Amino acid sequence: LALYRKKGYCYYIGTYCSSRVPILGICLARKSTYCCFQSKLARIFQEEARKQLKIDFGTPECPKCRGLTVKELQKVDFTKINMDELFGDILTKAQNSMNKDIIAGIKDKVHRMQQSRH
């Protein structure tokens, strides 16, 4: 769960008191509830599609992490799905890759310049 949360695969539903002292009602333990999916794309799609379809993720005590039915998918307007979060990740990865290539190229040129001096 920790790895999925770190990768952005999970949707946070909320926290609830999972253990109370009888009579006093004091909360002894709290639990956080998430719906986790197989990828960040799947999580983003679920969030965006559910907004359009007005389907919630349930409550922390009773989460609704099910997939969407074929009928529900047919109602989704894919042009209204906001993928900015995913595209931001893709751009960051591309920039990091380009930066590594640029740095490697500079190191190579510096190395060749040093070699040509000798």
Protein backbone atom coordinates (compact mmCIF):
# COMPACT_ATOMS: atom_id res chain seq x y z
CA LEU A 1 0.00 0.00 0.00
CA ALA A 2 2.79 2.44 0.86
CA LEU A 3 4.44 1.96 -2.54
CA TYR A 4 1.14 2.40 -4.39
CA ARG A 5 0.41 5.56 -2.41
CA LYS A 6 3.90 6.93 -3.13
CA LYS A 7 3.45 6.28 -6.85
CA GLY A 8 0.08 8.07 -6.86
CA TYR A 9 -2.01 4.96 -7.54
CA CYS A 10 -4.36 5.53 -4.59
CA TYR A 11 -7.31 7.80 -3.93
CA TYR A 12 -7.65 8.90 -0.28
CA ILE A 13 -11.21 8.47 0.99
CA GLY A 14 -10.76 9.52 4.59
CA THR A 15 -9.95 8.47 8.16
CA TYR A 16 -12.21 6.92 10.77
CA CYS A 17 -12.04 5.67 14.34
CA SER A 18 -11.56 1.92 14.12
CA SER A 19 -11.49 1.20 17.85
CA ARG A 20 -13.34 2.96 20.67
CA VAL A 21 -13.44 2.54 24.44
CA PRO A 22 -16.92 1.22 25.27
CA ILE A 23 -19.18 3.62 27.17
CA LEU A 24 -16.62 6.49 27.13
CA GLY A 25 -16.46 6.61 23.34
CA ILE A 26 -12.78 7.56 23.31
CA CYS A 27 -11.05 6.69 20.05
CA LEU A 28 -8.12 4.31 20.54
CA ALA A 29 -7.14 3.76 16.91
CA ARG A 30 -7.74 5.47 13.59
CA LYS A 31 -7.53 3.98 10.12
CA SER A 32 -7.12 5.73 6.80
CA THR A 33 -8.95 4.32 3.80
CA TYR A 34 -7.79 4.40 0.18
CA CYS A 35 -8.92 2.99 -3.13
CA CYS A 36 -5.80 1.82 -4.99
CA PHE A 37 -5.54 1.04 -8.68
CA GLN A 38 -3.02 -0.66 -10.98
CA SER A 39 -1.56 2.63 -12.26
CA LYS A 40 -1.71 6.39 -11.85
CA LEU A 41 -3.63 6.55 -15.15
CA ALA A 42 -6.26 4.15 -13.77
CA ARG A 43 -6.62 6.20 -10.58
CA ILE A 44 -6.93 9.49 -12.46
CA PHE A 45 -9.45 7.98 -14.87
CA GLN A 46 -11.53 6.59 -11.98
CA GLU A 47 -11.57 9.98 -10.24
CA GLU A 48 -12.49 11.93 -13.36
CA ALA A 49 -15.08 9.43 -14.63
CA ARG A 50 -16.74 9.18 -11.21
CA LYS A 51 -17.03 12.99 -11.07
CA GLN A 52 -18.89 12.96 -14.39
CA LEU A 53 -21.08 10.02 -13.41
CA LYS A 54 -21.66 11.33 -9.86
CA ILE A 55 -20.41 8.05 -8.35
CA ASP A 56 -18.56 8.51 -5.07
CA PHE A 57 -15.85 6.35 -3.51
CA GLY A 58 -18.00 5.67 -0.46
CA THR A 59 -16.98 6.44 3.09
CA PRO A 60 -13.84 5.55 5.06
CA GLU A 61 -15.85 2.85 6.88
CA CYS A 62 -17.43 1.51 3.68
CA PRO A 63 -15.30 2.27 0.61
CA LYS A 64 -16.59 1.67 -2.92
CA CYS A 65 -13.48 0.87 -4.94
CA ARG A 66 -15.18 -1.11 -7.68
CA GLY A 67 -14.41 -0.69 -11.33
CA LEU A 68 -16.80 0.97 -13.74
CA THR A 69 -19.35 -1.05 -15.68
CA VAL A 70 -19.52 -1.06 -19.48
CA LYS A 71 -22.71 1.04 -19.31
CA GLU A 72 -20.97 3.58 -17.08
CA LEU A 73 -17.92 3.72 -19.36
CA GLN A 74 -20.19 4.42 -22.33
CA LYS A 75 -21.51 7.52 -20.55
CA VAL A 76 -18.05 9.01 -19.88
CA ASP A 77 -17.05 12.01 -22.02
CA PHE A 78 -13.37 11.21 -22.56
CA THR A 79 -12.68 14.73 -23.85
CA LYS A 80 -13.46 16.05 -20.35
CA ILE A 81 -11.00 13.75 -18.55
CA ASN A 82 -8.28 15.94 -17.02
CA MET A 83 -4.91 14.22 -17.44
CA ASP A 84 -2.74 17.19 -16.39
CA GLU A 85 -1.29 15.28 -13.43
CA LEU A 86 -0.20 12.40 -15.65
CA PHE A 87 1.18 14.67 -18.38
CA GLY A 88 3.15 16.57 -15.74
CA ASP A 89 4.82 13.31 -14.70
CA ILE A 90 5.58 12.42 -18.32
CA LEU A 91 7.13 15.83 -18.96
CA THR A 92 9.23 15.61 -15.80
CA LYS A 93 10.54 12.19 -16.81
CA ALA A 94 11.31 13.43 -20.32
CA GLN A 95 13.13 16.49 -18.98
CA ASN A 96 15.15 14.35 -16.55
CA SER A 97 16.10 12.03 -19.40
CA MET A 98 17.09 14.96 -21.63
CA ASN A 99 19.09 16.52 -18.80
CA LYS A 100 20.99 13.25 -18.30
CA ASP A 101 21.75 13.14 -22.03
CA ILE A 102 22.94 16.77 -22.02
CA ILE A 103 25.14 16.22 -18.96
CA ALA A 104 26.58 13.04 -20.50
CA GLY A 105 27.31 14.96 -23.71
CA ILE A 106 29.05 17.77 -21.82
CA LYS A 107 31.12 15.30 -19.80
CA ASP A 108 32.11 13.54 -23.02
CA LYS A 109 33.17 16.82 -24.66
CA VAL A 110 35.16 17.90 -21.59
CA HIS A 111 36.83 14.48 -21.49
CA ARG A 112 37.75 14.72 -25.21
CA MET A 113 39.10 18.25 -24.72
CA GLN A 114 41.25 17.04 -21.83
CA GLN A 115 42.49 14.12 -23.92
CA SER A 116 43.41 16.38 -26.84
CA ARG A 117 45.60 18.56 -24.58
CA HIS A 118 47.88 15.62 -23.79
